[in-house]
Amino acid sequence: MHTVAFIITLLVAVAHLGFFYLEAVLWAKPAGRRIFGMKKEEAEATKVLAMNQGFYNAGVAVLLAWAALAPNPPATVALLAFVVAMGVVGGVTAKGTILLLQALPAAVALLLWLV
């Protein structure tokens, strides 16, 4: 069970690196605008905010990978709980798919760490 929790945790970290790339690099580009359903003007106006959000996701990814690889189970559990909470906030306030892409995988990993 621990191995599965570890693998899913690393997958959550990798996903957050992907979120970083989407938000910090692709946001105002055609691919990013298509993914997020924005017009060019909207993307340009919010580009700095998205970059900030992207770097937060990169930080979460690095810390989560570190906690899992250390291994530091209490830090891993705390970070996964944080990811679940932020995924729920994002899913409720921004886009429902955040619940599936961010909160659900982290919740599965969190439950496996707690078992």
PDB file of N, CA and C in Angstrom:
ATOM      1  N   MET A   1       0.826  -1.194   0.000  1.00  0.00           N
ATOM      2  CA  MET A   1       0.000   0.000   0.000  1.00  0.00           C
ATOM      3  C   MET A   1       0.867   1.253   0.000  1.00  0.00           C
ATOM      4  N   HIS A   2       1.951   1.211   0.763  1.00  0.00           N
ATOM      5  CA  HIS A   2       2.843   2.361   0.841  1.00  0.00           C
ATOM      6  C   HIS A   2       3.440   2.694  -0.535  1.00  0.00           C
ATOM      7  N   THR A   3       3.788   1.682  -1.297  1.00  0.00           N
ATOM      8  CA  THR A   3       4.361   1.895  -2.623  1.00  0.00           C
ATOM      9  C   THR A   3       3.363   2.579  -3.549  1.00  0.00           C
ATOM     10  N   VAL A   4       2.119   2.173  -3.491  1.00  0.00           N
ATOM     11  CA  VAL A   4       1.081   2.786  -4.326  1.00  0.00           C
ATOM     12  C   VAL A   4       0.881   4.246  -3.920  1.00  0.00           C
ATOM     13  N   ALA A   5       0.847   4.508  -2.606  1.00  0.00           N
ATOM     14  CA  ALA A   5       0.711   5.888  -2.112  1.00  0.00           C
ATOM     15  C   ALA A   5       1.878   6.741  -2.596  1.00  0.00           C
ATOM     16  N   PHE A   6       3.071   6.188  -2.521  1.00  0.00           N
ATOM     17  CA  PHE A   6       4.276   6.883  -2.962  1.00  0.00           C
ATOM     18  C   PHE A   6       4.198   7.225  -4.454  1.00  0.00           C
ATOM     19  N   ILE A   7       3.806   6.250  -5.274  1.00  0.00           N
ATOM     20  CA  ILE A   7       3.721   6.457  -6.727  1.00  0.00           C
ATOM     21  C   ILE A   7       2.659   7.495  -7.068  1.00  0.00           C
ATOM     22  N   ILE A   8       1.495   7.402  -6.447  1.00  0.00           N
ATOM     23  CA  ILE A   8       0.435   8.376  -6.730  1.00  0.00           C
ATOM     24  C   ILE A   8       0.852   9.772  -6.267  1.00  0.00           C
ATOM     25  N   THR A   9       1.552   9.838  -5.150  1.00  0.00           N
ATOM     26  CA  THR A   9       2.051  11.138  -4.666  1.00  0.00           C
ATOM     27  C   THR A   9       3.000  11.755  -5.685  1.00  0.00           C
ATOM     28  N   LEU A  10       3.893  10.968  -6.227  1.00  0.00           N
ATOM     29  CA  LEU A  10       4.805  11.494  -7.249  1.00  0.00           C
ATOM     30  C   LEU A  10       4.054  11.896  -8.509  1.00  0.00           C
ATOM     31  N   LEU A  11       2.998  11.168  -8.852  1.00  0.00           N
ATOM     32  CA  LEU A  11       2.173  11.553 -10.004  1.00  0.00           C
ATOM     33  C   LEU A  11       1.464  12.881  -9.746  1.00  0.00           C
ATOM     34  N   VAL A  12       1.028  13.103  -8.518  1.00  0.00           N
ATOM     35  CA  VAL A  12       0.421  14.388  -8.159  1.00  0.00           C
ATOM     36  C   VAL A  12       1.459  15.503  -8.312  1.00  0.00           C
ATOM     37  N   ALA A  13       2.688  15.240  -7.879  1.00  0.00           N
ATOM     38  CA  ALA A  13       3.760  16.230  -8.025  1.00  0.00           C
ATOM     39  C   ALA A  13       4.022  16.532  -9.505  1.00  0.00           C
ATOM     40  N   VAL A  14       4.069  15.506 -10.323  1.00  0.00           N
ATOM     41  CA  VAL A  14       4.286  15.698 -11.764  1.00  0.00           C
ATOM     42  C   VAL A  14       3.124  16.494 -12.373  1.00  0.00           C
ATOM     43  N   ALA A  15       1.911  16.198 -11.951  1.00  0.00           N
ATOM     44  CA  ALA A  15       0.754  16.954 -12.450  1.00  0.00           C
ATOM     45  C   ALA A  15       0.900  18.433 -12.119  1.00  0.00           C
ATOM     46  N   HIS A  16       1.401  18.731 -10.933  1.00  0.00           N
ATOM     47  CA  HIS A  16       1.578  20.136 -10.555  1.00  0.00           C
ATOM     48  C   HIS A  16       2.678  20.816 -11.374  1.00  0.00           C
ATOM     49  N   LEU A  17       3.656  20.062 -11.808  1.00  0.00           N
ATOM     50  CA  LEU A  17       4.629  20.634 -12.745  1.00  0.00           C
ATOM     51  C   LEU A  17       3.948  20.944 -14.074  1.00  0.00           C
ATOM     52  N   GLY A  18       3.017  20.081 -14.471  1.00  0.00           N
ATOM     53  CA  GLY A  18       2.233  20.345 -15.678  1.00  0.00           C
ATOM     54  C   GLY A  18       1.377  21.588 -15.528  1.00  0.00           C
ATOM     55  N   PHE A  19       0.751  21.754 -14.353  1.00  0.00           N
ATOM     56  CA  PHE A  19      -0.057  22.952 -14.104  1.00  0.00           C
ATOM     57  C   PHE A  19       0.826  24.194 -14.167  1.00  0.00           C
ATOM     58  N   PHE A  20       2.037  24.082 -13.610  1.00  0.00           N
ATOM     59  CA  PHE A  20       2.999  25.190 -13.691  1.00  0.00           C
ATOM     60  C   PHE A  20       3.244  25.574 -15.143  1.00  0.00           C
ATOM     61  N   TYR A  21       3.512  24.590 -15.975  1.00  0.00           N
ATOM     62  CA  TYR A  21       3.811  24.863 -17.378  1.00  0.00           C
ATOM     63  C   TYR A  21       2.616  25.521 -18.081  1.00  0.00           C
ATOM     64  N   LEU A  22       1.431  24.995 -17.810  1.00  0.00           N
ATOM     65  CA  LEU A  22       0.227  25.575 -18.422  1.00  0.00           C
ATOM     66  C   LEU A  22       0.034  27.029 -18.006  1.00  0.00           C
ATOM     67  N   GLU A  23       0.211  27.305 -16.730  1.00  0.00           N
ATOM     68  CA  GLU A  23      -0.085  28.637 -16.207  1.00  0.00           C
ATOM     69  C   GLU A  23       1.055  29.633 -16.426  1.00  0.00           C
ATOM     70  N   ALA A  24       2.278  29.200 -16.250  1.00  0.00           N
ATOM     71  CA  ALA A  24       3.405  30.136 -16.330  1.00  0.00           C
ATOM     72  C   ALA A  24       3.968  30.291 -17.732  1.00  0.00           C
ATOM     73  N   VAL A  25       3.756  29.303 -18.594  1.00  0.00           N
ATOM     74  CA  VAL A  25       4.354  29.340 -19.929  1.00  0.00           C
ATOM     75  C   VAL A  25       3.300  29.461 -21.035  1.00  0.00           C
ATOM     76  N   LEU A  26       2.275  28.629 -20.974  1.00  0.00           N
ATOM     77  CA  LEU A  26       1.313  28.565 -22.083  1.00  0.00           C
ATOM     78  C   LEU A  26       0.106  29.493 -21.949  1.00  0.00           C
ATOM     79  N   TRP A  27      -0.098  30.092 -20.820  1.00  0.00           N
ATOM     80  CA  TRP A  27      -1.314  30.843 -20.510  1.00  0.00           C
ATOM     81  C   TRP A  27      -1.810  31.741 -21.645  1.00  0.00           C
ATOM     82  N   ALA A  28      -0.947  32.612 -22.150  1.00  0.00           N
ATOM     83  CA  ALA A  28      -1.372  33.586 -23.173  1.00  0.00           C
ATOM     84  C   ALA A  28      -1.120  33.099 -24.599  1.00  0.00           C
ATOM     85  N   LYS A  29      -0.563  31.912 -24.732  1.00  0.00           N
ATOM     86  CA  LYS A  29      -0.318  31.350 -26.060  1.00  0.00           C
ATOM     87  C   LYS A  29      -1.583  30.657 -26.560  1.00  0.00           C
ATOM     88  N   PRO A  30      -1.679  30.406 -27.853  1.00  0.00           N
ATOM     89  CA  PRO A  30      -2.899  29.785 -28.401  1.00  0.00           C
ATOM     90  C   PRO A  30      -3.313  28.496 -27.681  1.00  0.00           C
ATOM     91  N   ALA A  31      -2.366  27.631 -27.383  1.00  0.00           N
ATOM     92  CA  ALA A  31      -2.706  26.373 -26.703  1.00  0.00           C
ATOM     93  C   ALA A  31      -3.273  26.644 -25.318  1.00  0.00           C
ATOM     94  N   GLY A  32      -2.664  27.533 -24.580  1.00  0.00           N
ATOM     95  CA  GLY A  32      -3.147  27.871 -23.247  1.00  0.00           C
ATOM     96  C   GLY A  32      -4.517  28.528 -23.283  1.00  0.00           C
ATOM     97  N   ARG A  33      -4.697  29.440 -24.223  1.00  0.00           N
ATOM     98  CA  ARG A  33      -6.002  30.100 -24.347  1.00  0.00           C
ATOM     99  C   ARG A  33      -7.090  29.086 -24.696  1.00  0.00           C
ATOM    100  N   ARG A  34      -6.762  28.124 -25.541  1.00  0.00           N
ATOM    101  CA  ARG A  34      -7.723  27.092 -25.914  1.00  0.00           C
ATOM    102  C   ARG A  34      -8.063  26.212 -24.700  1.00  0.00           C
ATOM    103  N   ILE A  35      -7.052  25.805 -23.958  1.00  0.00           N
ATOM    104  CA  ILE A  35      -7.264  24.953 -22.788  1.00  0.00           C
ATOM    105  C   ILE A  35      -8.122  25.658 -21.739  1.00  0.00           C
ATOM    106  N   PHE A  36      -7.845  26.943 -21.526  1.00  0.00           N
ATOM    107  CA  PHE A  36      -8.559  27.683 -20.492  1.00  0.00           C
ATOM    108  C   PHE A  36      -9.764  28.461 -21.019  1.00  0.00           C
ATOM    109  N   GLY A  37     -10.015  28.372 -22.322  1.00  0.00           N
ATOM    110  CA  GLY A  37     -11.187  29.010 -22.902  1.00  0.00           C
ATOM    111  C   GLY A  37     -11.181  30.525 -22.791  1.00  0.00           C
ATOM    112  N   MET A  38     -10.042  31.144 -23.116  1.00  0.00           N
ATOM    113  CA  MET A  38      -9.916  32.597 -22.990  1.00  0.00           C
ATOM    114  C   MET A  38      -9.606  33.258 -24.321  1.00  0.00           C
ATOM    115  N   LYS A  39     -10.032  34.490 -24.414  1.00  0.00           N
ATOM    116  CA  LYS A  39      -9.653  35.319 -25.550  1.00  0.00           C
ATOM    117  C   LYS A  39      -8.267  35.891 -25.278  1.00  0.00           C
ATOM    118  N   LYS A  40      -7.611  36.330 -26.345  1.00  0.00           N
ATOM    119  CA  LYS A  40      -6.252  36.838 -26.229  1.00  0.00           C
ATOM    120  C   LYS A  40      -6.160  37.978 -25.216  1.00  0.00           C
ATOM    121  N   GLU A  41      -7.128  38.879 -25.236  1.00  0.00           N
ATOM    122  CA  GLU A  41      -7.110  40.032 -24.332  1.00  0.00           C
ATOM    123  C   GLU A  41      -7.215  39.592 -22.875  1.00  0.00           C
ATOM    124  N   GLU A  42      -8.090  38.624 -22.615  1.00  0.00           N
ATOM    125  CA  GLU A  42      -8.244  38.099 -21.252  1.00  0.00           C
ATOM    126  C   GLU A  42      -6.940  37.470 -20.761  1.00  0.00           C
ATOM    127  N   ALA A  43      -6.340  36.670 -21.622  1.00  0.00           N
ATOM    128  CA  ALA A  43      -5.109  35.978 -21.251  1.00  0.00           C
ATOM    129  C   ALA A  43      -3.984  36.976 -20.981  1.00  0.00           C
ATOM    130  N   GLU A  44      -3.857  37.965 -21.822  1.00  0.00           N
ATOM    131  CA  GLU A  44      -2.804  38.973 -21.624  1.00  0.00           C
ATOM    132  C   GLU A  44      -3.034  39.751 -20.329  1.00  0.00           C
ATOM    133  N   ALA A  45      -4.290  40.052 -20.036  1.00  0.00           N
ATOM    134  CA  ALA A  45      -4.609  40.839 -18.839  1.00  0.00           C
ATOM    135  C   ALA A  45      -4.354  40.054 -17.552  1.00  0.00           C
ATOM    136  N   THR A  46      -4.405  38.733 -17.614  1.00  0.00           N
ATOM    137  CA  THR A  46      -4.251  37.910 -16.408  1.00  0.00           C
ATOM    138  C   THR A  46      -2.953  37.102 -16.400  1.00  0.00           C
ATOM    139  N   LYS A  47      -2.088  37.352 -17.360  1.00  0.00           N
ATOM    140  CA  LYS A  47      -0.862  36.565 -17.520  1.00  0.00           C
ATOM    141  C   LYS A  47       0.022  36.575 -16.265  1.00  0.00           C
ATOM    142  N   VAL A  48       0.173  37.722 -15.641  1.00  0.00           N
ATOM    143  CA  VAL A  48       1.033  37.819 -14.455  1.00  0.00           C
ATOM    144  C   VAL A  48       0.423  37.032 -13.290  1.00  0.00           C
ATOM    145  N   LEU A  49      -0.880  37.120 -13.137  1.00  0.00           N
ATOM    146  CA  LEU A  49      -1.545  36.352 -12.081  1.00  0.00           C
ATOM    147  C   LEU A  49      -1.380  34.852 -12.309  1.00  0.00           C
ATOM    148  N   ALA A  50      -1.535  34.426 -13.555  1.00  0.00           N
ATOM    149  CA  ALA A  50      -1.384  33.013 -13.885  1.00  0.00           C
ATOM    150  C   ALA A  50       0.043  32.545 -13.649  1.00  0.00           C
ATOM    151  N   MET A  51       1.023  33.395 -13.939  1.00  0.00           N
ATOM    152  CA  MET A  51       2.415  33.018 -13.714  1.00  0.00           C
ATOM    153  C   MET A  51       2.656  32.811 -12.216  1.00  0.00           C
ATOM    154  N   ASN A  52       2.115  33.705 -11.399  1.00  0.00           N
ATOM    155  CA  ASN A  52       2.243  33.568  -9.953  1.00  0.00           C
ATOM    156  C   ASN A  52       1.628  32.240  -9.502  1.00  0.00           C
ATOM    157  N   GLN A  53       0.449  31.945  -9.980  1.00  0.00           N
ATOM    158  CA  GLN A  53      -0.241  30.698  -9.656  1.00  0.00           C
ATOM    159  C   GLN A  53       0.579  29.500 -10.117  1.00  0.00           C
ATOM    160  N   GLY A  54       1.161  29.610 -11.294  1.00  0.00           N
ATOM    161  CA  GLY A  54       1.993  28.531 -11.814  1.00  0.00           C
ATOM    162  C   GLY A  54       3.196  28.251 -10.936  1.00  0.00           C
ATOM    163  N   PHE A  55       3.834  29.313 -10.450  1.00  0.00           N
ATOM    164  CA  PHE A  55       5.000  29.111  -9.593  1.00  0.00           C
ATOM    165  C   PHE A  55       4.608  28.517  -8.245  1.00  0.00           C
ATOM    166  N   TYR A  56       3.425  28.844  -7.749  1.00  0.00           N
ATOM    167  CA  TYR A  56       2.935  28.165  -6.547  1.00  0.00           C
ATOM    168  C   TYR A  56       2.798  26.673  -6.813  1.00  0.00           C
ATOM    169  N   ASN A  57       2.251  26.312  -7.959  1.00  0.00           N
ATOM    170  CA  ASN A  57       2.115  24.897  -8.304  1.00  0.00           C
ATOM    171  C   ASN A  57       3.471  24.219  -8.425  1.00  0.00           C
ATOM    172  N   ALA A  58       4.455  24.907  -8.970  1.00  0.00           N
ATOM    173  CA  ALA A  58       5.802  24.338  -9.050  1.00  0.00           C
ATOM    174  C   ALA A  58       6.365  24.109  -7.650  1.00  0.00           C
ATOM    175  N   GLY A  59       6.138  25.058  -6.763  1.00  0.00           N
ATOM    176  CA  GLY A  59       6.590  24.905  -5.378  1.00  0.00           C
ATOM    177  C   GLY A  59       5.938  23.719  -4.696  1.00  0.00           C
ATOM    178  N   VAL A  60       4.651  23.563  -4.898  1.00  0.00           N
ATOM    179  CA  VAL A  60       3.938  22.414  -4.328  1.00  0.00           C
ATOM    180  C   VAL A  60       4.523  21.118  -4.887  1.00  0.00           C
ATOM    181  N   ALA A  61       4.801  21.091  -6.171  1.00  0.00           N
ATOM    182  CA  ALA A  61       5.361  19.889  -6.797  1.00  0.00           C
ATOM    183  C   ALA A  61       6.709  19.522  -6.185  1.00  0.00           C
ATOM    184  N   VAL A  62       7.577  20.500  -6.053  1.00  0.00           N
ATOM    185  CA  VAL A  62       8.918  20.245  -5.504  1.00  0.00           C
ATOM    186  C   VAL A  62       8.830  19.781  -4.049  1.00  0.00           C
ATOM    187  N   LEU A  63       8.024  20.474  -3.251  1.00  0.00           N
ATOM    188  CA  LEU A  63       7.897  20.094  -1.841  1.00  0.00           C
ATOM    189  C   LEU A  63       7.254  18.720  -1.668  1.00  0.00           C
ATOM    190  N   LEU A  64       6.270  18.430  -2.493  1.00  0.00           N
ATOM    191  CA  LEU A  64       5.605  17.133  -2.412  1.00  0.00           C
ATOM    192  C   LEU A  64       6.559  16.007  -2.802  1.00  0.00           C
ATOM    193  N   ALA A  65       7.312  16.207  -3.851  1.00  0.00           N
ATOM    194  CA  ALA A  65       8.308  15.203  -4.254  1.00  0.00           C
ATOM    195  C   ALA A  65       9.364  15.027  -3.165  1.00  0.00           C
ATOM    196  N   TRP A  66       9.839  16.132  -2.613  1.00  0.00           N
ATOM    197  CA  TRP A  66      10.825  16.058  -1.529  1.00  0.00           C
ATOM    198  C   TRP A  66      10.268  15.286  -0.337  1.00  0.00           C
ATOM    199  N   ALA A  67       9.040  15.617   0.071  1.00  0.00           N
ATOM    200  CA  ALA A  67       8.441  14.966   1.237  1.00  0.00           C
ATOM    201  C   ALA A  67       8.287  13.463   1.009  1.00  0.00           C
ATOM    202  N   ALA A  68       7.885  13.085  -0.190  1.00  0.00           N
ATOM    203  CA  ALA A  68       7.697  11.656  -0.490  1.00  0.00           C
ATOM    204  C   ALA A  68       9.032  10.929  -0.584  1.00  0.00           C
ATOM    205  N   LEU A  69      10.025  11.581  -1.179  1.00  0.00           N
ATOM    206  CA  LEU A  69      11.326  10.936  -1.377  1.00  0.00           C
ATOM    207  C   LEU A  69      12.197  10.948  -0.121  1.00  0.00           C
ATOM    208  N   ALA A  70      11.928  11.815   0.831  1.00  0.00           N
ATOM    209  CA  ALA A  70      12.774  11.998   2.013  1.00  0.00           C
ATOM    210  C   ALA A  70      12.980  10.728   2.842  1.00  0.00           C
ATOM    211  N   PRO A  71      12.075   9.891   3.166  1.00  0.00           N
ATOM    212  CA  PRO A  71      10.637  10.083   3.219  1.00  0.00           C
ATOM    213  C   PRO A  71      10.229  10.823   4.493  1.00  0.00           C
ATOM    214  N   ASN A  72       9.221  11.642   4.348  1.00  0.00           N
ATOM    215  CA  ASN A  72       8.696  12.415   5.468  1.00  0.00           C
ATOM    216  C   ASN A  72       7.167  12.303   5.424  1.00  0.00           C
ATOM    217  N   PRO A  73       6.618  11.187   5.924  1.00  0.00           N
ATOM    218  CA  PRO A  73       5.167  10.982   5.827  1.00  0.00           C
ATOM    219  C   PRO A  73       4.309  12.122   6.391  1.00  0.00           C
ATOM    220  N   PRO A  74       4.639  12.704   7.557  1.00  0.00           N
ATOM    221  CA  PRO A  74       3.789  13.800   8.041  1.00  0.00           C
ATOM    222  C   PRO A  74       3.748  14.991   7.076  1.00  0.00           C
ATOM    223  N   ALA A  75       4.881  15.343   6.498  1.00  0.00           N
ATOM    224  CA  ALA A  75       4.909  16.445   5.535  1.00  0.00           C
ATOM    225  C   ALA A  75       4.158  16.056   4.262  1.00  0.00           C
ATOM    226  N   THR A  76       4.301  14.820   3.832  1.00  0.00           N
ATOM    227  CA  THR A  76       3.596  14.340   2.639  1.00  0.00           C
ATOM    228  C   THR A  76       2.090  14.426   2.851  1.00  0.00           C
ATOM    229  N   VAL A  77       1.632  13.957   4.002  1.00  0.00           N
ATOM    230  CA  VAL A  77       0.202  13.988   4.319  1.00  0.00           C
ATOM    231  C   VAL A  77      -0.294  15.438   4.379  1.00  0.00           C
ATOM    232  N   ALA A  78       0.468  16.317   5.021  1.00  0.00           N
ATOM    233  CA  ALA A  78       0.063  17.727   5.126  1.00  0.00           C
ATOM    234  C   ALA A  78      -0.017  18.375   3.747  1.00  0.00           C
ATOM    235  N   LEU A  79       0.959  18.124   2.897  1.00  0.00           N
ATOM    236  CA  LEU A  79       0.950  18.710   1.558  1.00  0.00           C
ATOM    237  C   LEU A  79      -0.186  18.151   0.710  1.00  0.00           C
ATOM    238  N   LEU A  80      -0.440  16.869   0.813  1.00  0.00           N
ATOM    239  CA  LEU A  80      -1.551  16.287   0.065  1.00  0.00           C
ATOM    240  C   LEU A  80      -2.890  16.853   0.550  1.00  0.00           C
ATOM    241  N   ALA A  81      -3.028  17.042   1.850  1.00  0.00           N
ATOM    242  CA  ALA A  81      -4.257  17.651   2.382  1.00  0.00           C
ATOM    243  C   ALA A  81      -4.421  19.069   1.838  1.00  0.00           C
ATOM    244  N   PHE A  82      -3.320  19.798   1.749  1.00  0.00           N
ATOM    245  CA  PHE A  82      -3.341  21.146   1.184  1.00  0.00           C
ATOM    246  C   PHE A  82      -3.777  21.106  -0.281  1.00  0.00           C
ATOM    247  N   VAL A  83      -3.233  20.178  -1.055  1.00  0.00           N
ATOM    248  CA  VAL A  83      -3.590  20.049  -2.473  1.00  0.00           C
ATOM    249  C   VAL A  83      -5.075  19.712  -2.617  1.00  0.00           C
ATOM    250  N   VAL A  84      -5.574  18.814  -1.778  1.00  0.00           N
ATOM    251  CA  VAL A  84      -7.002  18.475  -1.831  1.00  0.00           C
ATOM    252  C   VAL A  84      -7.838  19.718  -1.538  1.00  0.00           C
ATOM    253  N   ALA A  85      -7.489  20.433  -0.480  1.00  0.00           N
ATOM    254  CA  ALA A  85      -8.256  21.631  -0.109  1.00  0.00           C
ATOM    255  C   ALA A  85      -8.238  22.670  -1.224  1.00  0.00           C
ATOM    256  N   MET A  86      -7.077  22.926  -1.803  1.00  0.00           N
ATOM    257  CA  MET A  86      -6.980  23.916  -2.875  1.00  0.00           C
ATOM    258  C   MET A  86      -7.686  23.429  -4.135  1.00  0.00           C
ATOM    259  N   GLY A  87      -7.676  22.113  -4.367  1.00  0.00           N
ATOM    260  CA  GLY A  87      -8.408  21.557  -5.501  1.00  0.00           C
ATOM    261  C   GLY A  87      -9.909  21.728  -5.344  1.00  0.00           C
ATOM    262  N   VAL A  88     -10.401  21.586  -4.125  1.00  0.00           N
ATOM    263  CA  VAL A  88     -11.830  21.801  -3.873  1.00  0.00           C
ATOM    264  C   VAL A  88     -12.173  23.275  -4.073  1.00  0.00           C
ATOM    265  N   VAL A  89     -11.340  24.164  -3.545  1.00  0.00           N
ATOM    266  CA  VAL A  89     -11.579  25.606  -3.737  1.00  0.00           C
ATOM    267  C   VAL A  89     -11.586  25.943  -5.224  1.00  0.00           C
ATOM    268  N   GLY A  90     -10.594  25.457  -5.951  1.00  0.00           N
ATOM    269  CA  GLY A  90     -10.523  25.719  -7.387  1.00  0.00           C
ATOM    270  C   GLY A  90     -11.701  25.124  -8.139  1.00  0.00           C
ATOM    271  N   GLY A  91     -12.106  23.932  -7.741  1.00  0.00           N
ATOM    272  CA  GLY A  91     -13.232  23.278  -8.400  1.00  0.00           C
ATOM    273  C   GLY A  91     -14.543  24.015  -8.181  1.00  0.00           C
ATOM    274  N   VAL A  92     -14.696  24.597  -7.011  1.00  0.00           N
ATOM    275  CA  VAL A  92     -15.927  25.318  -6.686  1.00  0.00           C
ATOM    276  C   VAL A  92     -15.921  26.725  -7.281  1.00  0.00           C
ATOM    277  N   THR A  93     -14.758  27.383  -7.269  1.00  0.00           N
ATOM    278  CA  THR A  93     -14.714  28.788  -7.675  1.00  0.00           C
ATOM    279  C   THR A  93     -14.278  29.027  -9.117  1.00  0.00           C
ATOM    280  N   ALA A  94     -13.496  28.128  -9.684  1.00  0.00           N
ATOM    281  CA  ALA A  94     -12.940  28.392 -11.013  1.00  0.00           C
ATOM    282  C   ALA A  94     -13.485  27.442 -12.077  1.00  0.00           C
ATOM    283  N   LYS A  95     -13.183  26.162 -11.940  1.00  0.00           N
ATOM    284  CA  LYS A  95     -13.554  25.193 -12.967  1.00  0.00           C
ATOM    285  C   LYS A  95     -13.725  23.826 -12.321  1.00  0.00           C
ATOM    286  N   GLY A  96     -14.850  23.199 -12.569  1.00  0.00           N
ATOM    287  CA  GLY A  96     -15.171  21.920 -11.949  1.00  0.00           C
ATOM    288  C   GLY A  96     -14.175  20.812 -12.222  1.00  0.00           C
ATOM    289  N   THR A  97     -13.510  20.869 -13.367  1.00  0.00           N
ATOM    290  CA  THR A  97     -12.553  19.802 -13.698  1.00  0.00           C
ATOM    291  C   THR A  97     -11.348  19.790 -12.757  1.00  0.00           C
ATOM    292  N   ILE A  98     -11.135  20.878 -12.040  1.00  0.00           N
ATOM    293  CA  ILE A  98     -10.034  20.916 -11.066  1.00  0.00           C
ATOM    294  C   ILE A  98     -10.260  19.852  -9.991  1.00  0.00           C
ATOM    295  N   LEU A  99     -11.519  19.594  -9.682  1.00  0.00           N
ATOM    296  CA  LEU A  99     -11.816  18.541  -8.696  1.00  0.00           C
ATOM    297  C   LEU A  99     -11.279  17.193  -9.165  1.00  0.00           C
ATOM    298  N   LEU A 100     -11.427  16.901 -10.443  1.00  0.00           N
ATOM    299  CA  LEU A 100     -10.964  15.619 -10.983  1.00  0.00           C
ATOM    300  C   LEU A 100      -9.460  15.587 -11.214  1.00  0.00           C
ATOM    301  N   LEU A 101      -8.901  16.682 -11.695  1.00  0.00           N
ATOM    302  CA  LEU A 101      -7.488  16.699 -12.079  1.00  0.00           C
ATOM    303  C   LEU A 101      -6.538  16.953 -10.906  1.00  0.00           C
ATOM    304  N   GLN A 102      -7.013  17.678  -9.900  1.00  0.00           N
ATOM    305  CA  GLN A 102      -6.130  18.042  -8.798  1.00  0.00           C
ATOM    306  C   GLN A 102      -6.562  17.401  -7.479  1.00  0.00           C
ATOM    307  N   ALA A 103      -7.814  17.611  -7.095  1.00  0.00           N
ATOM    308  CA  ALA A 103      -8.257  17.151  -5.778  1.00  0.00           C
ATOM    309  C   ALA A 103      -8.359  15.631  -5.682  1.00  0.00           C
ATOM    310  N   LEU A 104      -8.941  14.992  -6.686  1.00  0.00           N
ATOM    311  CA  LEU A 104      -9.165  13.542  -6.605  1.00  0.00           C
ATOM    312  C   LEU A 104      -7.873  12.726  -6.506  1.00  0.00           C
ATOM    313  N   PRO A 105      -6.880  12.943  -7.390  1.00  0.00           N
ATOM    314  CA  PRO A 105      -5.646  12.157  -7.246  1.00  0.00           C
ATOM    315  C   PRO A 105      -4.954  12.394  -5.900  1.00  0.00           C
ATOM    316  N   ALA A 106      -4.953  13.642  -5.442  1.00  0.00           N
ATOM    317  CA  ALA A 106      -4.336  13.937  -4.145  1.00  0.00           C
ATOM    318  C   ALA A 106      -5.112  13.279  -3.012  1.00  0.00           C
ATOM    319  N   ALA A 107      -6.440  13.255  -3.128  1.00  0.00           N
ATOM    320  CA  ALA A 107      -7.261  12.607  -2.094  1.00  0.00           C
ATOM    321  C   ALA A 107      -6.990  11.108  -2.038  1.00  0.00           C
ATOM    322  N   VAL A 108      -6.846  10.485  -3.196  1.00  0.00           N
ATOM    323  CA  VAL A 108      -6.530   9.050  -3.232  1.00  0.00           C
ATOM    324  C   VAL A 108      -5.180   8.799  -2.570  1.00  0.00           C
ATOM    325  N   ALA A 109      -4.172   9.588  -2.944  1.00  0.00           N
ATOM    326  CA  ALA A 109      -2.842   9.430  -2.336  1.00  0.00           C
ATOM    327  C   ALA A 109      -2.913   9.664  -0.830  1.00  0.00           C
ATOM    328  N   LEU A 110      -3.635  10.709  -0.420  1.00  0.00           N
ATOM    329  CA  LEU A 110      -3.762  11.026   1.001  1.00  0.00           C
ATOM    330  C   LEU A 110      -4.387   9.852   1.767  1.00  0.00           C
ATOM    331  N   LEU A 111      -5.473   9.314   1.245  1.00  0.00           N
ATOM    332  CA  LEU A 111      -6.122   8.180   1.909  1.00  0.00           C
ATOM    333  C   LEU A 111      -5.181   6.976   2.014  1.00  0.00           C
ATOM    334  N   LEU A 112      -4.411   6.746   0.970  1.00  0.00           N
ATOM    335  CA  LEU A 112      -3.473   5.616   1.004  1.00  0.00           C
ATOM    336  C   LEU A 112      -2.360   5.834   2.035  1.00  0.00           C
ATOM    337  N   TRP A 113      -1.912   7.082   2.191  1.00  0.00           N
ATOM    338  CA  TRP A 113      -0.898   7.368   3.214  1.00  0.00           C
ATOM    339  C   TRP A 113      -1.486   7.175   4.609  1.00  0.00           C
ATOM    340  N   LEU A 114      -2.767   7.463   4.766  1.00  0.00           N
ATOM    341  CA  LEU A 114      -3.394   7.372   6.093  1.00  0.00           C
ATOM    342  C   LEU A 114      -3.805   5.956   6.478  1.00  0.00           C
ATOM    343  N   VAL A 115      -3.875   5.058   5.485  1.00  0.00           N
ATOM    344  CA  VAL A 115      -4.283   3.668   5.768  1.00  0.00           C
ATOM    345  C   VAL A 115      -3.132   2.903   6.394  1.00  0.00           C
TER     346      VAL A 115
END
